[in-house]
Amino acid sequence: MRRILRTNRVRRRPSTEDGQSLVEFALVLTPLFLILLGIIQFGFIFNAYITITNGTREAAREASIYVYDRSLTPGYNDAARNAQVRATVLSSLNLLSTTAPQLTTSSTWTQSGDTFTNGDLTVIYELPAGVTDSDARVGQRVTVRVRYHEDLLIPLIGALLPRDASGRMILTGEVTMVIN
């Protein structure tokens, strides 16, 4: 006896539920994709913030241990200290951009009292109560402030964050130390 094998071939008919899985996939993928992009953007911002804070701390430390040259005028010593602060900030930013529009600095400082400004870099000298004023500024507090304009790479996430006029997020690092 011969067996005849029959294959049960069932023809599949197009169903109305075929599109449902595609719609569900799109509905689930969109928020997950936005969350992933938000995490990536936050990582870029956090990296820049940590780098700026570290650079500002290094610059304030350099300003606090600057060796005062008594053969030069106090103005020249301030200019030399500020130039050292600027060089330290620029060298400490590692892979961040040290040019405009992210960070604007030049070799020229603008002075207003004991505040020196150079674009996005500010150095402030403060005489605390009980400390006598001296040309070497020993005992004074020096504050170094750096403003960095971080590009926001993800437009949807960037719309939710505070930005400046050019569409960049401003990250600020500020450190105060006592001059030795």
N, C-alpha and C. Protein backbone atom coordinates (compact mmCIF):
# COMPACT_ATOMS: atom_id res chain seq x y z
N MET A 1 0.80 -1.15 0.00
CA MET A 1 0.00 0.00 0.00
C MET A 1 0.87 1.25 0.00
N ARG A 2 0.49 1.99 -0.78
CA ARG A 2 1.28 3.18 -0.95
C ARG A 2 0.61 4.34 -0.23
N ARG A 3 1.46 4.98 0.49
CA ARG A 3 0.95 6.13 1.21
C ARG A 3 1.14 7.39 0.39
N ILE A 4 0.19 8.10 0.41
CA ILE A 4 0.28 9.38 -0.28
C ILE A 4 0.38 10.47 0.79
N LEU A 5 1.47 11.13 0.72
CA LEU A 5 1.68 12.22 1.68
C LEU A 5 1.08 13.49 1.11
N ARG A 6 0.27 13.99 1.87
CA ARG A 6 -0.31 15.27 1.47
C ARG A 6 0.27 16.36 2.35
N THR A 7 0.60 17.35 1.72
CA THR A 7 1.05 18.51 2.48
C THR A 7 -0.12 19.46 2.60
N ASN A 8 -0.26 19.85 3.78
CA ASN A 8 -1.34 20.81 4.02
C ASN A 8 -0.82 22.21 3.77
N ARG A 9 -1.01 22.60 2.61
CA ARG A 9 -0.60 23.95 2.27
C ARG A 9 -1.80 24.85 2.46
N VAL A 10 -1.59 25.73 3.37
CA VAL A 10 -2.66 26.66 3.64
C VAL A 10 -2.24 28.00 3.05
N ARG A 11 -3.05 28.46 2.24
CA ARG A 11 -2.76 29.76 1.69
C ARG A 11 -3.12 30.82 2.71
N ARG A 12 -2.15 31.69 2.92
CA ARG A 12 -2.37 32.73 3.89
C ARG A 12 -3.02 33.91 3.21
N ARG A 13 -4.07 34.33 3.80
CA ARG A 13 -4.76 35.48 3.27
C ARG A 13 -4.27 36.73 3.97
N PRO A 14 -4.20 37.80 3.24
CA PRO A 14 -3.84 39.05 3.91
C PRO A 14 -4.88 39.37 4.97
N SER A 15 -4.35 39.74 6.11
CA SER A 15 -5.26 40.02 7.20
C SER A 15 -5.21 41.51 7.54
N THR A 16 -6.19 41.94 8.22
CA THR A 16 -6.23 43.36 8.62
C THR A 16 -5.33 43.61 9.81
N GLU A 17 -4.79 42.57 10.44
CA GLU A 17 -3.94 42.75 11.60
C GLU A 17 -2.47 42.88 11.23
N ASP A 18 -2.13 42.74 9.96
CA ASP A 18 -0.73 42.86 9.55
C ASP A 18 -0.16 44.24 9.83
N GLY A 19 -0.91 45.26 9.64
CA GLY A 19 -0.43 46.62 9.85
C GLY A 19 -0.38 47.01 11.31
N GLN A 20 -1.04 46.25 12.16
CA GLN A 20 -1.09 46.59 13.57
C GLN A 20 0.29 46.51 14.21
N SER A 21 1.06 45.50 13.89
CA SER A 21 2.39 45.35 14.49
C SER A 21 3.31 46.47 14.03
N LEU A 22 3.16 46.92 12.81
CA LEU A 22 3.97 48.03 12.33
C LEU A 22 3.63 49.32 13.07
N VAL A 23 2.36 49.56 13.29
CA VAL A 23 1.94 50.75 14.02
C VAL A 23 2.41 50.69 15.46
N GLU A 24 2.29 49.54 16.11
CA GLU A 24 2.76 49.39 17.48
C GLU A 24 4.26 49.60 17.57
N PHE A 25 5.00 49.07 16.60
CA PHE A 25 6.45 49.26 16.57
C PHE A 25 6.80 50.74 16.47
N ALA A 26 6.12 51.46 15.59
CA ALA A 26 6.38 52.90 15.43
C ALA A 26 6.02 53.67 16.69
N LEU A 27 4.93 53.30 17.34
CA LEU A 27 4.51 54.00 18.55
C LEU A 27 5.47 53.76 19.71
N VAL A 28 6.05 52.59 19.80
CA VAL A 28 6.98 52.28 20.87
C VAL A 28 8.38 52.82 20.55
N LEU A 29 8.78 52.75 19.29
CA LEU A 29 10.12 53.16 18.89
C LEU A 29 10.33 54.66 19.03
N THR A 30 9.34 55.47 18.75
CA THR A 30 9.50 56.92 18.79
C THR A 30 9.91 57.43 20.17
N PRO A 31 9.18 57.09 21.25
CA PRO A 31 9.64 57.59 22.56
C PRO A 31 10.97 56.99 23.00
N LEU A 32 11.22 55.74 22.65
CA LEU A 32 12.51 55.14 23.01
C LEU A 32 13.65 55.84 22.27
N PHE A 33 13.42 56.19 21.04
CA PHE A 33 14.43 56.90 20.25
C PHE A 33 14.69 58.28 20.85
N LEU A 34 13.64 58.99 21.26
CA LEU A 34 13.82 60.30 21.89
C LEU A 34 14.57 60.19 23.21
N ILE A 35 14.29 59.16 23.98
CA ILE A 35 15.00 58.95 25.24
C ILE A 35 16.48 58.67 24.97
N LEU A 36 16.77 57.85 23.98
CA LEU A 36 18.15 57.55 23.63
C LEU A 36 18.89 58.80 23.17
N LEU A 37 18.27 59.61 22.33
CA LEU A 37 18.90 60.86 21.88
C LEU A 37 19.10 61.82 23.05
N GLY A 38 18.16 61.86 23.98
CA GLY A 38 18.31 62.70 25.17
C GLY A 38 19.49 62.27 26.02
N ILE A 39 19.68 60.97 26.16
CA ILE A 39 20.82 60.46 26.92
C ILE A 39 22.13 60.84 26.24
N ILE A 40 22.18 60.74 24.94
CA ILE A 40 23.39 61.10 24.19
C ILE A 40 23.68 62.59 24.35
N GLN A 41 22.66 63.44 24.19
CA GLN A 41 22.85 64.89 24.33
C GLN A 41 23.30 65.24 25.75
N PHE A 42 22.68 64.62 26.75
CA PHE A 42 23.08 64.87 28.13
C PHE A 42 24.53 64.46 28.36
N GLY A 43 24.97 63.39 27.75
CA GLY A 43 26.36 62.96 27.87
C GLY A 43 27.32 64.00 27.32
N PHE A 44 26.99 64.58 26.16
CA PHE A 44 27.83 65.64 25.59
C PHE A 44 27.88 66.86 26.52
N ILE A 45 26.73 67.25 27.04
CA ILE A 45 26.66 68.42 27.92
C ILE A 45 27.43 68.15 29.21
N PHE A 46 27.25 66.98 29.80
CA PHE A 46 27.94 66.65 31.04
C PHE A 46 29.45 66.60 30.84
N ASN A 47 29.90 66.04 29.73
CA ASN A 47 31.34 66.00 29.42
C ASN A 47 31.89 67.42 29.33
N ALA A 48 31.20 68.29 28.62
CA ALA A 48 31.67 69.67 28.48
C ALA A 48 31.68 70.37 29.84
N TYR A 49 30.65 70.16 30.65
CA TYR A 49 30.58 70.82 31.96
C TYR A 49 31.72 70.37 32.87
N ILE A 50 31.99 69.08 32.90
CA ILE A 50 33.08 68.57 33.74
C ILE A 50 34.43 69.11 33.26
N THR A 51 34.63 69.16 31.96
CA THR A 51 35.88 69.67 31.40
C THR A 51 36.05 71.15 31.72
N ILE A 52 34.99 71.93 31.61
CA ILE A 52 35.05 73.37 31.90
C ILE A 52 35.32 73.59 33.39
N THR A 53 34.65 72.83 34.24
CA THR A 53 34.87 72.96 35.68
C THR A 53 36.31 72.62 36.04
N ASN A 54 36.84 71.58 35.45
CA ASN A 54 38.22 71.19 35.71
C ASN A 54 39.19 72.27 35.23
N GLY A 55 38.96 72.80 34.03
CA GLY A 55 39.83 73.85 33.50
C GLY A 55 39.79 75.12 34.34
N THR A 56 38.60 75.45 34.82
CA THR A 56 38.45 76.64 35.67
C THR A 56 39.18 76.43 37.00
N ARG A 57 39.08 75.24 37.57
CA ARG A 57 39.77 74.94 38.82
C ARG A 57 41.28 75.02 38.65
N GLU A 58 41.78 74.48 37.54
CA GLU A 58 43.23 74.54 37.29
C GLU A 58 43.70 75.99 37.13
N ALA A 59 42.90 76.79 36.43
CA ALA A 59 43.27 78.19 36.22
C ALA A 59 43.26 78.98 37.53
N ALA A 60 42.26 78.73 38.38
CA ALA A 60 42.20 79.42 39.67
C ALA A 60 43.39 79.00 40.55
N ARG A 61 43.77 77.76 40.46
CA ARG A 61 44.93 77.30 41.23
C ARG A 61 46.20 77.99 40.73
N GLU A 62 46.35 78.09 39.43
CA GLU A 62 47.52 78.80 38.87
C GLU A 62 47.54 80.26 39.31
N ALA A 63 46.37 80.89 39.35
CA ALA A 63 46.30 82.29 39.79
C ALA A 63 46.64 82.41 41.26
N SER A 64 46.28 81.41 42.06
CA SER A 64 46.53 81.50 43.50
C SER A 64 47.99 81.27 43.87
N ILE A 65 48.73 80.57 43.04
CA ILE A 65 50.13 80.30 43.36
C ILE A 65 51.10 81.10 42.48
N TYR A 66 50.59 82.07 41.76
CA TYR A 66 51.45 82.91 40.91
C TYR A 66 52.52 83.58 41.76
N VAL A 67 53.76 83.52 41.31
CA VAL A 67 54.88 84.13 42.04
C VAL A 67 55.00 85.59 41.61
N TYR A 68 54.76 86.47 42.56
CA TYR A 68 54.78 87.91 42.32
C TYR A 68 56.22 88.37 42.11
N ASP A 69 56.44 89.12 41.03
CA ASP A 69 57.76 89.65 40.69
C ASP A 69 57.83 91.09 41.20
N ARG A 70 58.62 91.34 42.26
CA ARG A 70 58.69 92.66 42.88
C ARG A 70 59.41 93.69 42.02
N SER A 71 60.11 93.25 41.00
CA SER A 71 60.80 94.22 40.13
C SER A 71 59.86 94.81 39.08
N LEU A 72 58.64 94.29 39.00
CA LEU A 72 57.67 94.77 38.02
C LEU A 72 56.53 95.50 38.73
N THR A 73 55.77 96.24 37.98
CA THR A 73 54.64 96.99 38.54
C THR A 73 53.49 96.04 38.89
N PRO A 74 52.61 96.46 39.81
CA PRO A 74 51.45 95.60 40.13
C PRO A 74 50.56 95.35 38.91
N GLY A 75 50.42 96.34 38.04
CA GLY A 75 49.61 96.15 36.84
C GLY A 75 50.20 95.11 35.92
N TYR A 76 51.52 95.11 35.78
CA TYR A 76 52.16 94.11 34.92
C TYR A 76 52.03 92.72 35.54
N ASN A 77 52.16 92.62 36.87
CA ASN A 77 51.98 91.32 37.53
C ASN A 77 50.55 90.80 37.36
N ASP A 78 49.56 91.70 37.46
CA ASP A 78 48.17 91.27 37.23
C ASP A 78 48.00 90.77 35.80
N ALA A 79 48.60 91.49 34.84
CA ALA A 79 48.50 91.08 33.44
C ALA A 79 49.16 89.72 33.22
N ALA A 80 50.31 89.51 33.86
CA ALA A 80 51.00 88.23 33.72
C ALA A 80 50.20 87.10 34.38
N ARG A 81 49.62 87.38 35.55
CA ARG A 81 48.79 86.37 36.23
C ARG A 81 47.58 86.03 35.37
N ASN A 82 46.93 87.05 34.80
CA ASN A 82 45.75 86.82 33.96
C ASN A 82 46.11 86.06 32.69
N ALA A 83 47.28 86.36 32.11
CA ALA A 83 47.73 85.62 30.92
C ALA A 83 47.97 84.16 31.26
N GLN A 84 48.48 83.89 32.46
CA GLN A 84 48.69 82.52 32.89
C GLN A 84 47.35 81.81 33.10
N VAL A 85 46.36 82.54 33.64
CA VAL A 85 45.02 81.97 33.80
C VAL A 85 44.44 81.61 32.44
N ARG A 86 44.55 82.52 31.48
CA ARG A 86 44.01 82.27 30.14
C ARG A 86 44.68 81.07 29.48
N ALA A 87 46.01 80.99 29.58
CA ALA A 87 46.74 79.87 28.98
C ALA A 87 46.35 78.54 29.63
N THR A 88 46.14 78.56 30.94
CA THR A 88 45.76 77.34 31.65
C THR A 88 44.36 76.89 31.24
N VAL A 89 43.43 77.83 31.13
CA VAL A 89 42.07 77.48 30.71
C VAL A 89 42.10 76.87 29.32
N LEU A 90 42.80 77.51 28.39
CA LEU A 90 42.84 77.02 27.01
C LEU A 90 43.49 75.65 26.91
N SER A 91 44.52 75.41 27.71
CA SER A 91 45.19 74.11 27.63
C SER A 91 44.42 73.01 28.36
N SER A 92 43.53 73.39 29.28
CA SER A 92 42.80 72.39 30.07
C SER A 92 41.49 71.95 29.42
N LEU A 93 41.09 72.57 28.34
CA LEU A 93 39.81 72.22 27.73
C LEU A 93 39.86 70.96 26.87
N ASN A 94 41.03 70.36 26.76
CA ASN A 94 41.20 69.08 26.06
C ASN A 94 40.57 69.10 24.67
N LEU A 95 39.52 68.31 24.43
CA LEU A 95 38.94 68.19 23.10
C LEU A 95 37.84 69.20 22.82
N LEU A 96 37.50 70.04 23.79
CA LEU A 96 36.50 71.08 23.53
C LEU A 96 37.12 72.17 22.68
N SER A 97 36.30 72.84 21.91
CA SER A 97 36.78 73.90 21.04
C SER A 97 37.22 75.11 21.87
N THR A 98 38.38 75.64 21.57
CA THR A 98 38.89 76.82 22.29
C THR A 98 38.81 78.08 21.44
N THR A 99 38.02 78.02 20.39
CA THR A 99 37.86 79.17 19.51
C THR A 99 36.40 79.60 19.47
N ALA A 100 36.17 80.77 18.90
CA ALA A 100 34.80 81.28 18.77
C ALA A 100 34.05 80.37 17.81
N PRO A 101 32.80 80.15 17.98
CA PRO A 101 31.85 80.78 18.88
C PRO A 101 31.70 80.06 20.22
N GLN A 102 32.39 78.93 20.44
CA GLN A 102 32.23 78.23 21.71
C GLN A 102 32.89 78.98 22.86
N LEU A 103 34.10 79.46 22.65
CA LEU A 103 34.84 80.19 23.68
C LEU A 103 35.55 81.36 23.02
N THR A 104 35.28 82.55 23.49
CA THR A 104 35.88 83.75 22.92
C THR A 104 36.89 84.33 23.89
N THR A 105 38.15 84.35 23.50
CA THR A 105 39.20 85.00 24.28
C THR A 105 40.17 85.68 23.33
N SER A 106 40.90 86.64 23.85
CA SER A 106 41.93 87.31 23.06
C SER A 106 43.09 87.63 24.00
N SER A 107 44.06 88.32 23.50
CA SER A 107 45.19 88.69 24.36
C SER A 107 44.93 90.00 25.10
N THR A 108 43.80 90.65 24.84
CA THR A 108 43.48 91.94 25.45
C THR A 108 42.49 91.76 26.59
N TRP A 109 42.81 92.34 27.73
CA TRP A 109 41.94 92.28 28.91
C TRP A 109 41.28 93.64 29.12
N THR A 110 40.04 93.63 29.54
CA THR A 110 39.32 94.84 29.90
C THR A 110 39.22 94.89 31.41
N GLN A 111 39.64 96.02 32.01
CA GLN A 111 39.65 96.11 33.46
C GLN A 111 38.57 97.07 33.94
N SER A 112 37.85 96.64 34.96
CA SER A 112 36.87 97.48 35.63
C SER A 112 37.05 97.26 37.12
N GLY A 113 37.82 98.14 37.75
CA GLY A 113 38.17 97.96 39.17
C GLY A 113 39.10 96.77 39.30
N ASP A 114 38.67 95.78 40.09
CA ASP A 114 39.46 94.56 40.27
C ASP A 114 38.90 93.40 39.46
N THR A 115 38.12 93.70 38.43
CA THR A 115 37.55 92.68 37.56
C THR A 115 38.19 92.80 36.19
N PHE A 116 38.75 91.70 35.72
CA PHE A 116 39.38 91.66 34.41
C PHE A 116 38.57 90.73 33.52
N THR A 117 38.19 91.21 32.34
CA THR A 117 37.35 90.44 31.43
C THR A 117 38.07 90.27 30.10
N ASN A 118 37.99 89.05 29.59
CA ASN A 118 38.57 88.74 28.29
C ASN A 118 37.60 87.82 27.56
N GLY A 119 36.58 88.41 26.94
CA GLY A 119 35.58 87.62 26.23
C GLY A 119 34.76 86.79 27.21
N ASP A 120 34.87 85.47 27.12
CA ASP A 120 34.13 84.56 27.99
C ASP A 120 34.90 84.19 29.25
N LEU A 121 36.02 84.82 29.48
CA LEU A 121 36.87 84.55 30.64
C LEU A 121 36.89 85.79 31.53
N THR A 122 36.62 85.60 32.83
CA THR A 122 36.61 86.70 33.78
C THR A 122 37.44 86.32 34.99
N VAL A 123 38.31 87.26 35.43
CA VAL A 123 39.11 87.07 36.63
C VAL A 123 38.77 88.22 37.57
N ILE A 124 38.35 87.88 38.80
CA ILE A 124 37.94 88.89 39.77
C ILE A 124 38.82 88.74 41.01
N TYR A 125 39.40 89.88 41.46
CA TYR A 125 40.17 89.91 42.69
C TYR A 125 39.32 90.58 43.75
N GLU A 126 39.26 89.96 44.94
CA GLU A 126 38.42 90.49 46.01
C GLU A 126 39.24 90.55 47.29
N LEU A 127 39.18 91.70 47.96
CA LEU A 127 39.89 91.89 49.22
C LEU A 127 38.92 91.60 50.37
N PRO A 128 39.09 90.46 51.06
CA PRO A 128 38.17 90.16 52.16
C PRO A 128 38.45 91.05 53.37
N ALA A 129 37.47 91.16 54.24
CA ALA A 129 37.62 91.95 55.46
C ALA A 129 38.71 91.34 56.33
N GLY A 130 39.53 92.18 56.91
CA GLY A 130 40.58 91.71 57.79
C GLY A 130 41.89 91.43 57.09
N VAL A 131 41.94 91.55 55.78
CA VAL A 131 43.17 91.32 55.03
C VAL A 131 43.67 92.66 54.53
N THR A 132 44.95 92.95 54.77
CA THR A 132 45.52 94.22 54.31
C THR A 132 45.84 94.14 52.83
N ASP A 133 45.58 95.25 52.14
CA ASP A 133 45.83 95.31 50.70
C ASP A 133 47.32 95.37 50.44
N SER A 134 47.79 94.60 49.48
CA SER A 134 49.20 94.62 49.08
C SER A 134 49.29 94.48 47.58
N ASP A 135 50.43 94.88 47.04
CA ASP A 135 50.62 94.76 45.60
C ASP A 135 50.64 93.30 45.15
N ALA A 136 51.12 92.43 46.01
CA ALA A 136 51.21 91.01 45.65
C ALA A 136 49.85 90.31 45.75
N ARG A 137 48.85 90.99 46.33
CA ARG A 137 47.50 90.47 46.49
C ARG A 137 47.44 89.22 47.38
N VAL A 138 48.40 89.05 48.26
CA VAL A 138 48.41 87.89 49.16
C VAL A 138 47.22 87.99 50.10
N GLY A 139 46.48 86.90 50.24
CA GLY A 139 45.31 86.85 51.10
C GLY A 139 44.02 87.23 50.39
N GLN A 140 44.13 87.81 49.21
CA GLN A 140 42.93 88.15 48.46
C GLN A 140 42.34 86.90 47.82
N ARG A 141 41.07 86.99 47.50
CA ARG A 141 40.41 85.89 46.79
C ARG A 141 40.45 86.19 45.30
N VAL A 142 40.74 85.17 44.52
CA VAL A 142 40.69 85.28 43.07
C VAL A 142 39.58 84.35 42.58
N THR A 143 38.70 84.89 41.76
CA THR A 143 37.62 84.11 41.19
C THR A 143 37.82 84.04 39.68
N VAL A 144 37.83 82.84 39.15
CA VAL A 144 37.96 82.63 37.71
C VAL A 144 36.62 82.09 37.22
N ARG A 145 36.06 82.76 36.21
CA ARG A 145 34.77 82.35 35.64
C ARG A 145 34.95 82.14 34.14
N VAL A 146 34.50 80.98 33.66
CA VAL A 146 34.58 80.65 32.23
C VAL A 146 33.17 80.36 31.74
N ARG A 147 32.80 80.98 30.64
CA ARG A 147 31.50 80.70 29.99
C ARG A 147 31.80 79.98 28.68
N TYR A 148 31.16 78.83 28.49
CA TYR A 148 31.37 78.03 27.28
C TYR A 148 30.03 77.85 26.59
N HIS A 149 30.00 78.04 25.29
CA HIS A 149 28.76 77.94 24.51
C HIS A 149 28.74 76.57 23.82
N GLU A 150 28.01 75.64 24.42
CA GLU A 150 27.95 74.25 23.94
C GLU A 150 26.92 74.11 22.82
N ASP A 151 27.33 73.49 21.72
CA ASP A 151 26.39 73.20 20.64
C ASP A 151 25.44 72.10 21.08
N LEU A 152 24.17 72.26 20.74
CA LEU A 152 23.19 71.22 21.01
C LEU A 152 22.99 70.45 19.71
N LEU A 153 23.38 69.19 19.71
CA LEU A 153 23.40 68.39 18.49
C LEU A 153 22.04 67.81 18.13
N ILE A 154 21.20 67.57 19.10
CA ILE A 154 19.91 66.95 18.87
C ILE A 154 18.85 68.05 18.88
N PRO A 155 18.29 68.42 17.74
CA PRO A 155 17.37 69.56 17.69
C PRO A 155 16.13 69.40 18.57
N LEU A 156 15.58 68.21 18.64
CA LEU A 156 14.38 68.03 19.46
C LEU A 156 14.68 68.22 20.94
N ILE A 157 15.82 67.72 21.39
CA ILE A 157 16.21 67.87 22.78
C ILE A 157 16.64 69.32 23.04
N GLY A 158 17.32 69.92 22.07
CA GLY A 158 17.77 71.30 22.22
C GLY A 158 16.64 72.29 22.38
N ALA A 159 15.47 71.96 21.86
CA ALA A 159 14.33 72.86 21.99
C ALA A 159 13.84 72.92 23.43
N LEU A 160 14.16 71.92 24.24
CA LEU A 160 13.72 71.88 25.62
C LEU A 160 14.70 72.53 26.60
N LEU A 161 15.93 72.81 26.16
CA LEU A 161 16.97 73.33 27.03
C LEU A 161 17.16 74.83 26.83
N PRO A 162 17.65 75.54 27.86
CA PRO A 162 17.89 76.98 27.70
C PRO A 162 19.05 77.23 26.75
N ARG A 163 18.90 78.23 25.89
CA ARG A 163 19.93 78.53 24.89
C ARG A 163 20.17 80.03 24.83
N ASP A 164 21.33 80.40 24.28
CA ASP A 164 21.61 81.82 24.06
C ASP A 164 21.04 82.24 22.71
N ALA A 165 21.33 83.46 22.28
CA ALA A 165 20.76 83.99 21.05
C ALA A 165 21.19 83.20 19.81
N SER A 166 22.35 82.58 19.86
CA SER A 166 22.83 81.83 18.69
C SER A 166 22.46 80.35 18.76
N GLY A 167 21.64 79.95 19.73
CA GLY A 167 21.16 78.58 19.79
C GLY A 167 22.06 77.62 20.53
N ARG A 168 23.03 78.14 21.28
CA ARG A 168 23.94 77.29 22.04
C ARG A 168 23.61 77.38 23.53
N MET A 169 23.87 76.31 24.23
CA MET A 169 23.65 76.28 25.68
C MET A 169 24.90 76.82 26.37
N ILE A 170 24.71 77.75 27.32
CA ILE A 170 25.84 78.35 28.02
C ILE A 170 26.13 77.54 29.29
N LEU A 171 27.34 77.03 29.37
CA LEU A 171 27.82 76.31 30.55
C LEU A 171 28.84 77.20 31.25
N THR A 172 28.71 77.36 32.55
CA THR A 172 29.59 78.27 33.30
C THR A 172 30.33 77.50 34.38
N GLY A 173 31.63 77.74 34.43
CA GLY A 173 32.46 77.21 35.51
C GLY A 173 33.00 78.38 36.30
N GLU A 174 32.90 78.32 37.61
CA GLU A 174 33.39 79.42 38.46
C GLU A 174 34.03 78.84 39.71
N VAL A 175 35.28 79.25 39.98
CA VAL A 175 36.03 78.76 41.12
C VAL A 175 36.69 79.95 41.81
N THR A 176 36.65 79.96 43.15
CA THR A 176 37.30 80.99 43.95
C THR A 176 38.35 80.35 44.83
N MET A 177 39.55 80.94 44.86
CA MET A 177 40.64 80.47 45.71
C MET A 177 41.33 81.67 46.34
N VAL A 178 42.10 81.42 47.38
CA VAL A 178 42.85 82.47 48.06
C VAL A 178 44.26 82.52 47.52
N ILE A 179 44.74 83.73 47.23
CA ILE A 179 46.08 83.91 46.70
C ILE A 179 47.08 83.73 47.81
N ASN A 180 48.10 82.92 47.56
CA ASN A 180 49.16 82.66 48.56
C ASN A 180 50.30 83.63 48.41
